[in-house]
Amino acid sequence: MFEKLTKRFIPNTKESARIYRIRIGVFQGWISVLVNTVLFISKMAIGLMAGSVSVIADAFHTLSDVFSSGVVIWGFRASEKPADKEHPYGHGRVEYIATLIIAILLGVASVEFFEVSVRRIISPSPVNAEWWMVGVIAFTIVIKETTARYAEFLSTKIASGTLHADAWHHRIDALSSLLVIGAMVAGKFGYYQLDGWAGIGIALFIIWTAFHIARDAVDDLIGKPPTSDEINEIRRIVRQVNGVLGVHDITIHSYGNDKYVSCHVEINADETTASAHDLSEDVENQLTEILGVSPTIHIDPVQPGNPLAEKVRSFLDKHWSNDSRVTSYHDIRIVDTENHHVILFGINVNPGMSQGQIIECCNEMEESLTVFSRYEVSIKVSHPFQY
């Protein structure tokens, strides 16, 4: 049903994925504005007629969703702007700012509702709710949950944290309305203080939601690590390119829907410079076509036919593959000249290790490799958050 509705109003034509994504976000924003405006008017009218602080609080919670949906629209519109002199990586992270603003609006509203609800518990007032009012509020729950599920569907479709946050706004509003129904029914039997307690429950719901949404937005703005699925997919694509012997030191930077990827690709050291360049172009093209990312490739020459390099790899597999401190090793090369006899390789370490622990680990590795007595050992440690 949701897929048919989306295709009817936003057909996926030949426009770019970026433009289609923005259209989806703006469309959901306007749906939320329309739904929340109608529900705010309905709830506010019932709250005033019944004299219920929980209903009025719920109405203002819905009103805050109108403003937050406006922020959603602004965020997607702003992220549509192309890169410019001041923002060379585009405006994709405006979407994260929009999400953070939504969370702040929710937090401010929750504090105000909490104060009002405490006063209602201390000085309870009669709640004059009719059964038809209870029915209207129950109907708003159905509408809000349906809207939440549609927003969640769209957030999954375009991988948007902003729409995910918007979905939770609708869902929390539906849950808070359940508390309101309980308070309205209790009020009909003279338990007026439950109206205030329901208001506190709604406020706590909003605070909890605002905290989690804000935390996710801040993580996106600062920069979150890539998921294991993203890393594994990049490895799979790169290793399928003919001539690639290995890939490591993968990093991903996200700017909204735009992602920038860099990685080190191992190739045979006997390849010519021209061949190495062509291979890096092939890797970049594959990553761009399949994942839609902007890649940067660093070429690392290795010596797959060198017997000593293979012995070193076998030694590391046997003695270090199960050490939790070392997540991988790569770029095994041998320098064997008249004046220099060196074993060189790089390692990736557990991100939780301190500098002292990394140095200790490297010293242990170097000491274990003294079995290759002629050779010095040089270990390069990659950044802890390269994969």
Protein backbone atom coordinates (compact mmCIF):
# COMPACT_ATOMS: atom_id res chain seq x y z
CA MET A 1 0.00 0.00 0.00
CA PHE A 2 2.73 2.47 0.99
CA GLU A 3 4.74 1.64 -2.13
CA LYS A 4 1.75 2.29 -4.42
CA LEU A 5 0.98 5.57 -2.64
CA THR A 6 4.56 6.75 -3.05
CA LYS A 7 4.76 5.81 -6.73
CA ARG A 8 1.47 7.59 -7.41
CA PHE A 9 2.59 10.94 -5.98
CA ILE A 10 6.34 10.65 -6.55
CA PRO A 11 7.11 8.46 -9.56
CA ASN A 12 10.79 7.51 -9.76
CA THR A 13 11.58 8.96 -13.17
CA LYS A 14 15.00 9.47 -14.74
CA GLU A 15 15.98 12.13 -12.19
CA SER A 16 19.03 11.50 -10.03
CA ALA A 17 18.81 9.46 -6.83
CA ARG A 18 19.70 12.61 -4.88
CA ILE A 19 16.78 14.62 -6.29
CA TYR A 20 14.38 11.71 -5.81
CA ARG A 21 15.51 11.42 -2.19
CA ILE A 22 14.84 15.11 -1.56
CA ARG A 23 11.38 14.86 -3.14
CA ILE A 24 10.54 11.92 -0.87
CA GLY A 25 11.66 13.85 2.23
CA VAL A 26 9.71 16.99 1.34
CA PHE A 27 6.61 14.92 0.47
CA GLN A 28 6.66 13.22 3.88
CA GLY A 29 7.20 16.58 5.55
CA TRP A 30 4.05 18.05 3.99
CA ILE A 31 2.03 14.95 4.88
CA SER A 32 3.11 15.38 8.50
CA VAL A 33 2.23 19.09 8.49
CA LEU A 34 -1.25 18.39 7.14
CA VAL A 35 -2.01 15.49 9.50
CA ASN A 36 -0.63 17.22 12.59
CA THR A 37 -2.46 20.50 11.90
CA VAL A 38 -5.83 18.74 11.68
CA LEU A 39 -5.12 16.67 14.80
CA PHE A 40 -3.90 19.69 16.78
CA ILE A 41 -7.13 21.56 16.12
CA SER A 42 -9.20 18.50 17.09
CA LYS A 43 -7.27 17.78 20.29
CA MET A 44 -7.15 21.41 21.40
CA ALA A 45 -10.91 21.77 20.96
CA ILE A 46 -11.57 18.61 22.99
CA GLY A 47 -9.03 19.60 25.65
CA LEU A 48 -10.65 23.00 26.17
CA MET A 49 -14.16 21.55 26.25
CA ALA A 50 -13.16 18.82 28.72
CA GLY A 51 -10.83 20.98 30.80
CA SER A 52 -8.11 18.30 30.53
CA VAL A 53 -4.46 19.33 30.86
CA SER A 54 -3.31 16.00 29.43
CA VAL A 55 -5.39 16.52 26.28
CA ILE A 56 -4.14 20.09 25.91
CA ALA A 57 -0.55 18.91 26.47
CA ASP A 58 -1.09 16.21 23.87
CA ALA A 59 -2.46 18.86 21.49
CA PHE A 60 0.65 21.01 21.92
CA HIS A 61 2.79 17.91 21.46
CA THR A 62 1.05 17.50 18.11
CA LEU A 63 1.58 21.20 17.36
CA SER A 64 5.30 20.77 18.02
CA ASP A 65 5.21 18.04 15.39
CA VAL A 66 3.86 20.61 12.90
CA PHE A 67 6.94 22.77 13.50
CA SER A 68 9.27 19.78 13.45
CA SER A 69 7.77 18.67 10.13
CA GLY A 70 8.46 22.17 8.83
CA VAL A 71 12.08 21.64 9.90
CA VAL A 72 12.08 18.35 7.98
CA ILE A 73 11.03 20.20 4.82
CA TRP A 74 13.64 22.90 5.41
CA GLY A 75 16.34 20.30 6.00
CA PHE A 76 15.71 18.46 2.76
CA ARG A 77 15.36 21.70 0.79
CA ALA A 78 18.63 23.03 2.22
CA SER A 79 20.46 19.76 1.52
CA GLU A 80 19.41 20.16 -2.13
CA LYS A 81 21.86 23.03 -2.57
CA PRO A 82 24.96 21.97 -4.51
CA ALA A 83 28.52 22.33 -3.26
CA ASP A 84 29.89 25.86 -3.29
CA LYS A 85 33.01 27.79 -2.34
CA GLU A 86 32.17 27.82 1.39
CA HIS A 87 30.87 24.23 1.48
CA PRO A 88 32.94 22.12 -0.96
CA TYR A 89 31.32 18.87 0.21
CA GLY A 90 27.77 20.10 -0.31
CA HIS A 91 25.00 20.71 2.21
CA GLY A 92 23.99 17.15 3.03
CA ARG A 93 24.67 17.53 6.74
CA VAL A 94 21.97 20.20 7.00
CA GLU A 95 19.65 17.21 7.34
CA TYR A 96 21.41 16.27 10.60
CA ILE A 97 21.03 19.84 11.86
CA ALA A 98 17.31 19.66 11.09
CA THR A 99 17.06 16.45 13.10
CA LEU A 100 18.85 18.08 16.05
CA ILE A 101 16.49 21.08 15.95
CA ILE A 102 13.52 18.70 16.06
CA ALA A 103 14.94 17.02 19.15
CA ILE A 104 15.50 20.36 20.89
CA LEU A 105 11.92 21.46 20.17
CA LEU A 106 10.64 18.22 21.64
CA GLY A 107 12.80 18.62 24.75
CA VAL A 108 11.60 22.17 25.44
CA ALA A 109 7.97 21.15 25.02
CA SER A 110 8.38 18.19 27.37
CA VAL A 111 9.73 20.35 30.20
CA GLU A 112 6.78 22.73 29.93
CA PHE A 113 4.25 19.89 29.96
CA PHE A 114 5.96 18.30 32.96
CA GLU A 115 5.58 21.52 34.98
CA VAL A 116 1.91 21.92 34.06
CA SER A 117 1.18 18.29 34.91
CA VAL A 118 2.81 18.54 38.36
CA ARG A 119 0.64 21.57 39.12
CA ARG A 120 -2.45 19.61 38.01
CA ILE A 121 -1.55 16.77 40.43
CA ILE A 122 -1.11 19.20 43.31
CA SER A 123 -4.33 21.08 42.47
CA PRO A 124 -6.56 18.68 40.51
CA SER A 125 -9.41 20.11 38.43
CA PRO A 126 -12.53 18.32 37.15
CA VAL A 127 -12.23 16.67 33.76
CA ASN A 128 -15.53 16.72 31.86
CA ALA A 129 -14.89 14.30 29.02
CA GLU A 130 -17.68 12.82 26.94
CA TRP A 131 -17.46 9.38 25.36
CA TRP A 132 -17.47 10.84 21.86
CA MET A 133 -14.34 12.80 22.83
CA VAL A 134 -12.65 9.56 23.86
CA GLY A 135 -13.62 8.11 20.48
CA VAL A 136 -12.09 11.05 18.60
CA ILE A 137 -8.81 10.74 20.50
CA ALA A 138 -8.79 6.99 19.79
CA PHE A 139 -9.23 7.73 16.09
CA THR A 140 -6.26 10.13 16.17
CA ILE A 141 -4.13 7.26 17.47
CA VAL A 142 -4.94 5.22 14.37
CA ILE A 143 -4.08 8.15 12.12
CA LYS A 144 -0.80 8.87 13.90
CA GLU A 145 0.36 5.25 13.89
CA THR A 146 -0.44 4.96 10.17
CA THR A 147 1.51 8.16 9.49
CA ALA A 148 4.39 6.85 11.63
CA ARG A 149 4.55 3.62 9.65
CA TYR A 150 4.54 5.48 6.37
CA ALA A 151 7.33 7.79 7.55
CA GLU A 152 9.31 4.74 8.69
CA PHE A 153 8.73 3.12 5.29
CA LEU A 154 10.08 6.22 3.53
CA SER A 155 13.02 6.56 5.93
CA THR A 156 14.06 3.01 5.05
CA LYS A 157 13.54 3.68 1.34
CA ILE A 158 15.97 6.63 1.30
CA ALA A 159 18.06 5.87 4.43
CA SER A 160 17.08 9.08 6.22
CA GLY A 161 17.62 9.67 9.93
CA THR A 162 15.41 12.74 9.71
CA LEU A 163 12.40 10.77 8.49
CA HIS A 164 13.13 8.11 11.10
CA ALA A 165 12.97 10.85 13.75
CA ASP A 166 9.75 12.15 12.23
CA ALA A 167 8.27 8.65 12.38
CA TRP A 168 9.05 8.44 16.07
CA HIS A 169 7.35 11.80 16.65
CA HIS A 170 4.15 10.36 15.24
CA ARG A 171 4.48 7.14 17.20
CA ILE A 172 5.20 8.87 20.52
CA ASP A 173 2.23 11.15 19.89
CA ALA A 174 0.08 8.04 19.42
CA LEU A 175 1.41 6.49 22.64
CA SER A 176 0.84 9.69 24.58
CA SER A 177 -2.74 9.77 23.29
CA LEU A 178 -3.25 6.34 24.85
CA LEU A 179 -2.36 7.87 28.21
CA VAL A 180 -4.78 10.69 27.50
CA ILE A 181 -7.62 8.22 26.88
CA GLY A 182 -6.88 6.54 30.20
CA ALA A 183 -6.93 9.89 31.99
CA MET A 184 -10.19 10.94 30.28
CA VAL A 185 -11.94 7.71 31.25
CA ALA A 186 -10.61 7.97 34.83
CA GLY A 187 -11.83 11.57 34.97
CA LYS A 188 -15.37 10.46 34.19
CA PHE A 189 -15.24 8.43 37.41
CA GLY A 190 -13.81 11.25 39.55
CA TYR A 191 -10.10 10.35 39.44
CA TYR A 192 -9.00 13.80 38.30
CA GLN A 193 -5.37 13.51 39.43
CA LEU A 194 -4.74 10.84 36.80
CA ASP A 195 -4.97 13.65 34.24
CA GLY A 196 -1.80 15.17 35.71
CA TRP A 197 -0.06 11.80 35.96
CA ALA A 198 -0.87 11.12 32.31
CA GLY A 199 0.63 14.51 31.44
CA ILE A 200 3.85 13.54 33.24
CA GLY A 201 3.91 10.26 31.35
CA ILE A 202 3.59 12.10 28.05
CA ALA A 203 6.37 14.51 29.04
CA LEU A 204 8.69 11.59 29.91
CA PHE A 205 7.89 9.95 26.57
CA ILE A 206 8.86 13.15 24.77
CA ILE A 207 12.09 13.59 26.79
CA TRP A 208 13.17 10.02 26.06
CA THR A 209 12.49 10.46 22.35
CA ALA A 210 14.23 13.84 22.17
CA PHE A 211 17.35 12.47 23.86
CA HIS A 212 17.76 9.55 21.47
CA ILE A 213 17.05 11.64 18.38
CA ALA A 214 19.52 14.33 19.51
CA ARG A 215 22.20 11.74 20.27
CA ASP A 216 21.89 10.21 16.80
CA ALA A 217 21.98 13.64 15.14
CA VAL A 218 25.09 14.67 17.06
CA ASP A 219 26.78 11.38 16.18
CA ASP A 220 26.06 12.02 12.51
CA LEU A 221 27.39 15.57 12.70
CA ILE A 222 30.60 14.54 14.48
CA GLY A 223 31.01 11.48 12.26
CA LYS A 224 29.95 7.90 12.95
CA PRO A 225 32.03 4.84 12.06
CA PRO A 226 30.90 2.86 9.03
CA THR A 227 28.87 -0.28 9.58
CA SER A 228 30.46 -3.69 9.08
CA ASP A 229 28.09 -4.23 6.15
CA GLU A 230 29.42 -1.10 4.41
CA ILE A 231 33.04 -2.17 4.93
CA ASN A 232 32.40 -5.73 3.77
CA GLU A 233 30.56 -4.52 0.66
CA ILE A 234 33.45 -2.21 -0.29
CA ARG A 235 35.93 -5.05 0.24
CA ARG A 236 33.83 -7.38 -1.91
CA ILE A 237 33.57 -4.89 -4.78
CA VAL A 238 37.26 -3.94 -4.73
CA ARG A 239 38.55 -7.51 -4.56
CA GLN A 240 36.46 -8.48 -7.59
CA VAL A 241 38.50 -6.11 -9.78
CA ASN A 242 41.06 -8.06 -11.79
CA GLY A 243 44.57 -7.47 -10.46
CA VAL A 244 43.61 -6.51 -6.89
CA LEU A 245 45.39 -8.66 -4.29
CA GLY A 246 43.97 -7.05 -1.16
CA VAL A 247 42.29 -3.97 0.30
CA HIS A 248 42.68 -2.29 3.65
CA ASP A 249 42.61 1.06 5.49
CA ILE A 250 39.05 1.79 4.35
CA THR A 251 37.52 5.06 5.54
CA ILE A 252 34.06 6.50 4.87
CA HIS A 253 32.94 10.09 5.38
CA SER A 254 29.22 10.85 5.11
CA TYR A 255 27.63 14.18 4.14
CA GLY A 256 23.96 13.34 4.22
CA ASN A 257 23.37 10.96 1.33
CA ASP A 258 26.80 11.73 -0.19
CA LYS A 259 29.62 9.41 0.87
CA TYR A 260 33.36 9.76 0.29
CA VAL A 261 35.42 6.58 0.46
CA SER A 262 39.17 6.09 0.53
CA CYS A 263 41.03 2.80 0.67
CA HIS A 264 44.43 1.22 0.07
CA VAL A 265 44.53 -1.39 -2.69
CA GLU A 266 47.31 -3.97 -2.92
CA ILE A 267 48.64 -4.89 -6.36
CA ASN A 268 51.63 -6.80 -7.66
CA ALA A 269 54.79 -4.68 -7.36
CA ASP A 270 55.84 -5.85 -10.82
CA GLU A 271 52.99 -3.92 -12.46
CA THR A 272 53.97 -0.85 -14.47
CA THR A 273 52.95 2.62 -13.35
CA ALA A 274 50.46 2.84 -16.20
CA SER A 275 48.89 -0.51 -15.29
CA ALA A 276 48.63 0.51 -11.64
CA HIS A 277 46.87 3.72 -12.66
CA ASP A 278 44.40 1.85 -14.87
CA LEU A 279 43.65 -0.59 -12.07
CA SER A 280 42.94 2.22 -9.61
CA GLU A 281 40.59 3.75 -12.19
CA ASP A 282 38.77 0.42 -12.50
CA VAL A 283 38.33 0.24 -8.72
CA GLU A 284 37.02 3.82 -8.56
CA ASN A 285 34.56 3.18 -11.39
CA GLN A 286 33.20 0.04 -9.74
CA LEU A 287 32.67 1.76 -6.38
CA THR A 288 31.00 4.74 -8.04
CA GLU A 289 28.69 2.67 -10.25
CA ILE A 290 27.63 0.15 -7.59
CA LEU A 291 27.57 2.25 -4.40
CA GLY A 292 27.30 5.80 -5.74
CA VAL A 293 30.23 6.98 -3.61
CA SER A 294 33.14 9.29 -4.42
CA PRO A 295 36.27 7.12 -4.02
CA THR A 296 39.96 7.87 -3.59
CA ILE A 297 42.33 4.94 -4.14
CA HIS A 298 45.87 4.55 -2.80
CA ILE A 299 47.97 1.86 -4.47
CA ASP A 300 50.22 -0.38 -2.33
CA PRO A 301 52.68 -2.60 -4.26
CA VAL A 302 53.25 -6.03 -2.70
CA GLN A 303 55.34 -9.06 -3.63
CA PRO A 304 53.08 -12.13 -3.89
CA GLY A 305 55.80 -14.18 -5.58
CA ASN A 306 58.48 -13.46 -2.99
CA PRO A 307 59.12 -16.66 -0.96
CA LEU A 308 60.18 -14.74 2.15
CA ALA A 309 57.06 -12.53 2.00
CA GLU A 310 54.93 -15.69 1.93
CA LYS A 311 56.85 -17.11 4.90
CA VAL A 312 56.27 -13.90 6.85
CA ARG A 313 52.54 -14.02 6.02
CA SER A 314 52.35 -17.66 7.15
CA PHE A 315 54.18 -16.78 10.36
CA LEU A 316 51.77 -13.91 11.11
CA ASP A 317 48.78 -16.15 10.33
CA LYS A 318 50.05 -18.78 12.75
CA HIS A 319 51.16 -16.56 15.64
CA TRP A 320 49.07 -13.38 15.38
CA SER A 321 45.77 -14.09 13.62
CA ASN A 322 44.04 -14.86 16.94
CA ASP A 323 45.48 -11.93 18.87
CA SER A 324 42.57 -9.56 19.65
CA ARG A 325 44.87 -6.55 19.54
CA VAL A 326 45.63 -6.95 15.83
CA THR A 327 42.60 -6.91 13.54
CA SER A 328 44.55 -7.34 10.27
CA TYR A 329 47.98 -7.06 8.64
CA HIS A 330 48.82 -6.10 5.08
CA ASP A 331 51.40 -4.71 2.64
CA ILE A 332 54.03 -7.35 3.42
CA ARG A 333 57.17 -6.37 1.50
CA ILE A 334 60.80 -7.39 1.61
CA VAL A 335 63.69 -5.00 1.03
CA ASP A 336 66.75 -7.11 0.24
CA THR A 337 69.67 -5.04 -1.03
CA GLU A 338 73.36 -5.02 -0.30
CA ASN A 339 72.96 -2.57 2.59
CA HIS A 340 69.36 -3.12 3.71
CA HIS A 341 67.47 -6.25 4.77
CA VAL A 342 64.06 -5.21 6.01
CA ILE A 343 60.64 -6.83 6.48
CA LEU A 344 57.93 -4.18 6.14
CA PHE A 345 54.19 -4.50 6.73
CA GLY A 346 51.25 -2.59 8.14
CA ILE A 347 48.73 -3.56 10.80
CA ASN A 348 45.29 -2.45 11.92
CA VAL A 349 44.74 -2.52 15.67
CA ASN A 350 41.74 -2.71 17.97
CA PRO A 351 40.24 0.82 18.24
CA GLY A 352 40.09 0.57 22.04
CA MET A 353 43.86 0.34 22.48
CA SER A 354 45.92 3.12 24.04
CA GLN A 355 49.13 4.42 22.47
CA GLY A 356 51.14 2.52 25.07
CA GLN A 357 49.35 -0.72 24.28
CA ILE A 358 49.93 -0.23 20.55
CA ILE A 359 53.67 0.31 21.12
CA GLU A 360 53.82 -2.76 23.36
CA CYS A 361 52.05 -4.86 20.72
CA CYS A 362 54.43 -3.69 17.97
CA ASN A 363 57.44 -4.48 20.13
CA GLU A 364 56.12 -7.99 20.74
CA MET A 365 55.54 -8.51 17.01
CA GLU A 366 59.04 -7.30 16.17
CA GLU A 367 60.54 -9.58 18.82
CA SER A 368 58.61 -12.59 17.53
CA LEU A 369 59.90 -11.92 14.00
CA THR A 370 63.54 -12.19 15.09
CA VAL A 371 63.30 -15.75 13.77
CA PHE A 372 64.08 -14.06 10.46
CA SER A 373 67.44 -13.09 11.94
CA ARG A 374 68.96 -11.30 8.93
CA TYR A 375 66.15 -8.81 8.72
CA GLU A 376 65.07 -5.72 10.55
CA VAL A 377 61.34 -5.31 11.04
CA SER A 378 59.39 -2.13 10.25
CA ILE A 379 55.72 -2.01 11.24
CA LYS A 380 53.36 0.76 10.17
CA VAL A 381 50.25 1.13 12.33
CA SER A 382 47.15 2.36 10.52
CA HIS A 383 44.72 4.82 12.11
CA PRO A 384 42.62 2.88 14.67
CA PHE A 385 39.41 3.72 12.78
CA GLN A 386 40.52 2.58 9.36
CA TYR A 387 39.30 -0.88 8.44
